[in-house]
Amino acid sequence: MEQLAERRPRKLFIRDVEKMRIEYDKQSDTLYIHFAEPEEEAEEAILVGDNIVVRIRGDEVLGITVMEFMRHVEQQYR
């Protein structure tokens, strides 16, 4: 995965935000935000923060994955 800071800025888009689906896997503490079908393969996955990955194909955001989700939430309320 690449760090976002290492890349040139570019415009990304979401095909249809109304079809967004959110899933949470309690066992792995991972939040998945899907803007496309999960089976759609990404061309790249970019690490944009502490355990936050954006899946991209072309200029389209397919999804966002937040690993250790509860840790991120708890950090906001310390």
N, C-alpha and C. Protein backbone atom coordinates (compact mmCIF):
# COMPACT_ATOMS: atom_id res chain seq x y z
N MET A 1 0.83 -1.18 0.00
CA MET A 1 0.00 0.00 0.00
C MET A 1 0.87 1.24 0.00
N GLU A 2 0.37 2.27 -0.63
CA GLU A 2 1.11 3.51 -0.70
C GLU A 2 0.59 4.49 0.33
N GLN A 3 1.47 5.36 0.80
CA GLN A 3 1.04 6.46 1.65
C GLN A 3 0.47 7.55 0.75
N LEU A 4 -0.63 8.16 1.15
CA LEU A 4 -1.26 9.19 0.34
C LEU A 4 -0.31 10.35 0.10
N ALA A 5 0.49 10.70 1.09
CA ALA A 5 1.40 11.84 0.96
C ALA A 5 2.42 11.63 -0.16
N GLU A 6 2.66 10.39 -0.54
CA GLU A 6 3.65 10.10 -1.58
C GLU A 6 3.08 10.26 -2.98
N ARG A 7 1.78 10.49 -3.09
CA ARG A 7 1.12 10.54 -4.39
C ARG A 7 0.74 11.97 -4.73
N ARG A 8 0.61 12.23 -6.02
CA ARG A 8 0.10 13.52 -6.47
C ARG A 8 -1.38 13.61 -6.13
N PRO A 9 -1.84 14.79 -5.72
CA PRO A 9 -3.28 14.93 -5.45
C PRO A 9 -4.08 14.67 -6.73
N ARG A 10 -5.24 14.07 -6.57
CA ARG A 10 -6.12 13.85 -7.71
C ARG A 10 -7.56 13.83 -7.20
N LYS A 11 -8.47 14.05 -8.11
CA LYS A 11 -9.87 14.05 -7.75
C LYS A 11 -10.39 12.63 -7.83
N LEU A 12 -11.07 12.21 -6.78
CA LEU A 12 -11.70 10.91 -6.73
C LEU A 12 -13.20 11.12 -6.61
N PHE A 13 -13.97 10.15 -7.05
CA PHE A 13 -15.42 10.28 -6.96
C PHE A 13 -16.04 8.99 -6.46
N ILE A 14 -17.27 9.12 -5.98
CA ILE A 14 -18.08 7.99 -5.55
C ILE A 14 -19.22 7.88 -6.53
N ARG A 15 -19.39 6.70 -7.12
CA ARG A 15 -20.38 6.48 -8.17
C ARG A 15 -21.80 6.82 -7.71
N ASP A 16 -22.23 6.26 -6.61
CA ASP A 16 -23.60 6.47 -6.15
C ASP A 16 -23.63 6.35 -4.63
N VAL A 17 -23.54 7.47 -3.95
CA VAL A 17 -23.45 7.46 -2.48
C VAL A 17 -24.71 6.87 -1.85
N GLU A 18 -25.83 6.90 -2.55
CA GLU A 18 -27.07 6.34 -2.00
C GLU A 18 -27.02 4.82 -1.90
N LYS A 19 -26.10 4.18 -2.60
CA LYS A 19 -25.96 2.73 -2.52
C LYS A 19 -24.91 2.32 -1.49
N MET A 20 -24.43 3.27 -0.71
CA MET A 20 -23.41 3.01 0.29
C MET A 20 -23.92 1.98 1.31
N ARG A 21 -23.05 1.04 1.66
CA ARG A 21 -23.36 0.05 2.69
C ARG A 21 -22.25 0.07 3.73
N ILE A 22 -22.65 -0.08 4.97
CA ILE A 22 -21.67 -0.10 6.05
C ILE A 22 -21.78 -1.44 6.77
N GLU A 23 -20.64 -2.07 7.00
CA GLU A 23 -20.59 -3.34 7.72
C GLU A 23 -19.55 -3.21 8.83
N TYR A 24 -19.84 -3.84 9.94
CA TYR A 24 -18.87 -3.88 11.03
C TYR A 24 -18.63 -5.32 11.42
N ASP A 25 -17.37 -5.74 11.43
CA ASP A 25 -16.98 -7.08 11.85
C ASP A 25 -16.42 -6.96 13.27
N LYS A 26 -17.25 -7.35 14.24
CA LYS A 26 -16.86 -7.20 15.64
C LYS A 26 -15.64 -8.05 15.98
N GLN A 27 -15.57 -9.24 15.42
CA GLN A 27 -14.46 -10.15 15.73
C GLN A 27 -13.11 -9.53 15.34
N SER A 28 -13.04 -8.92 14.17
CA SER A 28 -11.77 -8.33 13.73
C SER A 28 -11.70 -6.83 14.02
N ASP A 29 -12.80 -6.27 14.58
CA ASP A 29 -12.89 -4.84 14.87
C ASP A 29 -12.57 -4.00 13.63
N THR A 30 -13.25 -4.34 12.54
CA THR A 30 -13.03 -3.67 11.27
C THR A 30 -14.34 -3.12 10.73
N LEU A 31 -14.32 -1.86 10.35
CA LEU A 31 -15.48 -1.21 9.74
C LEU A 31 -15.24 -1.13 8.23
N TYR A 32 -16.24 -1.57 7.47
CA TYR A 32 -16.16 -1.53 6.01
C TYR A 32 -17.24 -0.57 5.50
N ILE A 33 -16.85 0.35 4.67
CA ILE A 33 -17.80 1.26 4.01
C ILE A 33 -17.68 0.97 2.53
N HIS A 34 -18.76 0.45 1.94
CA HIS A 34 -18.76 0.05 0.54
C HIS A 34 -19.52 1.07 -0.30
N PHE A 35 -18.92 1.52 -1.37
CA PHE A 35 -19.58 2.39 -2.34
C PHE A 35 -19.84 1.64 -3.64
N ALA A 36 -19.37 0.42 -3.69
CA ALA A 36 -19.56 -0.48 -4.84
C ALA A 36 -19.72 -1.87 -4.25
N GLU A 37 -20.01 -2.84 -5.08
CA GLU A 37 -20.11 -4.21 -4.60
C GLU A 37 -18.75 -4.65 -4.06
N PRO A 38 -18.72 -5.32 -2.92
CA PRO A 38 -17.43 -5.74 -2.35
C PRO A 38 -16.60 -6.61 -3.28
N GLU A 39 -17.27 -7.30 -4.22
CA GLU A 39 -16.55 -8.17 -5.15
C GLU A 39 -15.79 -7.38 -6.22
N GLU A 40 -16.15 -6.11 -6.42
CA GLU A 40 -15.46 -5.30 -7.43
C GLU A 40 -14.01 -5.10 -6.98
N GLU A 41 -13.11 -5.49 -7.85
CA GLU A 41 -11.69 -5.43 -7.49
C GLU A 41 -11.12 -4.04 -7.66
N ALA A 42 -10.36 -3.64 -6.68
CA ALA A 42 -9.68 -2.34 -6.71
C ALA A 42 -8.38 -2.48 -7.49
N GLU A 43 -7.98 -1.39 -8.12
CA GLU A 43 -6.68 -1.36 -8.79
C GLU A 43 -5.59 -1.01 -7.79
N GLU A 44 -5.98 -0.28 -6.75
CA GLU A 44 -5.01 0.10 -5.73
C GLU A 44 -5.71 0.30 -4.40
N ALA A 45 -4.94 0.14 -3.36
CA ALA A 45 -5.42 0.40 -2.01
C ALA A 45 -4.42 1.36 -1.38
N ILE A 46 -4.91 2.47 -0.89
CA ILE A 46 -4.02 3.51 -0.38
C ILE A 46 -4.24 3.67 1.12
N LEU A 47 -3.17 3.59 1.88
CA LEU A 47 -3.21 3.82 3.31
C LEU A 47 -3.26 5.34 3.53
N VAL A 48 -4.38 5.84 4.04
CA VAL A 48 -4.55 7.29 4.18
C VAL A 48 -4.44 7.76 5.62
N GLY A 49 -4.32 6.85 6.54
CA GLY A 49 -4.20 7.21 7.95
C GLY A 49 -3.87 5.97 8.74
N ASP A 50 -3.95 6.10 10.05
CA ASP A 50 -3.64 5.01 10.95
C ASP A 50 -4.65 3.88 10.77
N ASN A 51 -4.28 2.87 10.01
CA ASN A 51 -5.12 1.70 9.72
C ASN A 51 -6.40 2.05 8.98
N ILE A 52 -6.35 3.04 8.12
CA ILE A 52 -7.48 3.40 7.27
C ILE A 52 -7.04 3.27 5.82
N VAL A 53 -7.77 2.42 5.08
CA VAL A 53 -7.40 2.12 3.70
C VAL A 53 -8.55 2.50 2.77
N VAL A 54 -8.20 3.17 1.67
CA VAL A 54 -9.18 3.51 0.64
C VAL A 54 -8.90 2.63 -0.57
N ARG A 55 -9.93 1.92 -1.04
CA ARG A 55 -9.82 1.07 -2.22
C ARG A 55 -10.29 1.88 -3.43
N ILE A 56 -9.48 1.90 -4.49
CA ILE A 56 -9.73 2.75 -5.65
C ILE A 56 -9.57 1.96 -6.94
N ARG A 57 -10.41 2.26 -7.91
CA ARG A 57 -10.25 1.77 -9.28
C ARG A 57 -10.40 2.99 -10.18
N GLY A 58 -9.37 3.31 -10.92
CA GLY A 58 -9.39 4.54 -11.73
C GLY A 58 -9.45 5.73 -10.80
N ASP A 59 -10.48 6.55 -10.96
CA ASP A 59 -10.69 7.69 -10.07
C ASP A 59 -11.91 7.48 -9.18
N GLU A 60 -12.35 6.23 -9.05
CA GLU A 60 -13.55 5.92 -8.26
C GLU A 60 -13.18 5.26 -6.94
N VAL A 61 -13.75 5.76 -5.86
CA VAL A 61 -13.58 5.15 -4.54
C VAL A 61 -14.57 3.98 -4.45
N LEU A 62 -14.04 2.78 -4.27
CA LEU A 62 -14.88 1.60 -4.13
C LEU A 62 -15.26 1.35 -2.68
N GLY A 63 -14.37 1.72 -1.77
CA GLY A 63 -14.66 1.49 -0.37
C GLY A 63 -13.57 2.02 0.54
N ILE A 64 -13.93 2.06 1.81
CA ILE A 64 -13.01 2.50 2.86
C ILE A 64 -13.03 1.43 3.94
N THR A 65 -11.87 1.04 4.42
CA THR A 65 -11.76 0.06 5.49
C THR A 65 -11.05 0.72 6.66
N VAL A 66 -11.67 0.61 7.85
CA VAL A 66 -11.08 1.16 9.07
C VAL A 66 -10.79 -0.02 10.00
N MET A 67 -9.51 -0.36 10.11
CA MET A 67 -9.11 -1.44 11.00
C MET A 67 -8.94 -0.87 12.41
N GLU A 68 -9.14 -1.71 13.43
CA GLU A 68 -9.09 -1.27 14.83
C GLU A 68 -10.07 -0.11 15.04
N PHE A 69 -11.28 -0.28 14.52
CA PHE A 69 -12.28 0.78 14.53
C PHE A 69 -12.56 1.33 15.93
N MET A 70 -12.76 0.45 16.91
CA MET A 70 -13.09 0.93 18.25
C MET A 70 -11.96 1.75 18.87
N ARG A 71 -10.72 1.43 18.53
CA ARG A 71 -9.60 2.23 19.03
C ARG A 71 -9.70 3.65 18.48
N HIS A 72 -10.07 3.77 17.21
CA HIS A 72 -10.23 5.10 16.61
C HIS A 72 -11.34 5.87 17.33
N VAL A 73 -12.44 5.20 17.61
CA VAL A 73 -13.56 5.85 18.29
C VAL A 73 -13.15 6.27 19.70
N GLU A 74 -12.51 5.36 20.43
CA GLU A 74 -12.12 5.67 21.80
C GLU A 74 -11.14 6.82 21.87
N GLN A 75 -10.26 6.96 20.88
CA GLN A 75 -9.30 8.07 20.86
C GLN A 75 -10.01 9.42 20.80
N GLN A 76 -11.18 9.46 20.18
CA GLN A 76 -11.92 10.71 20.05
C GLN A 76 -12.57 11.12 21.37
N TYR A 77 -12.76 10.18 22.29
CA TYR A 77 -13.47 10.46 23.54
C TYR A 77 -12.62 10.34 24.78
N ARG A 78 -11.33 10.50 24.63
CA ARG A 78 -10.41 10.48 25.80
C ARG A 78 -10.39 11.82 26.45
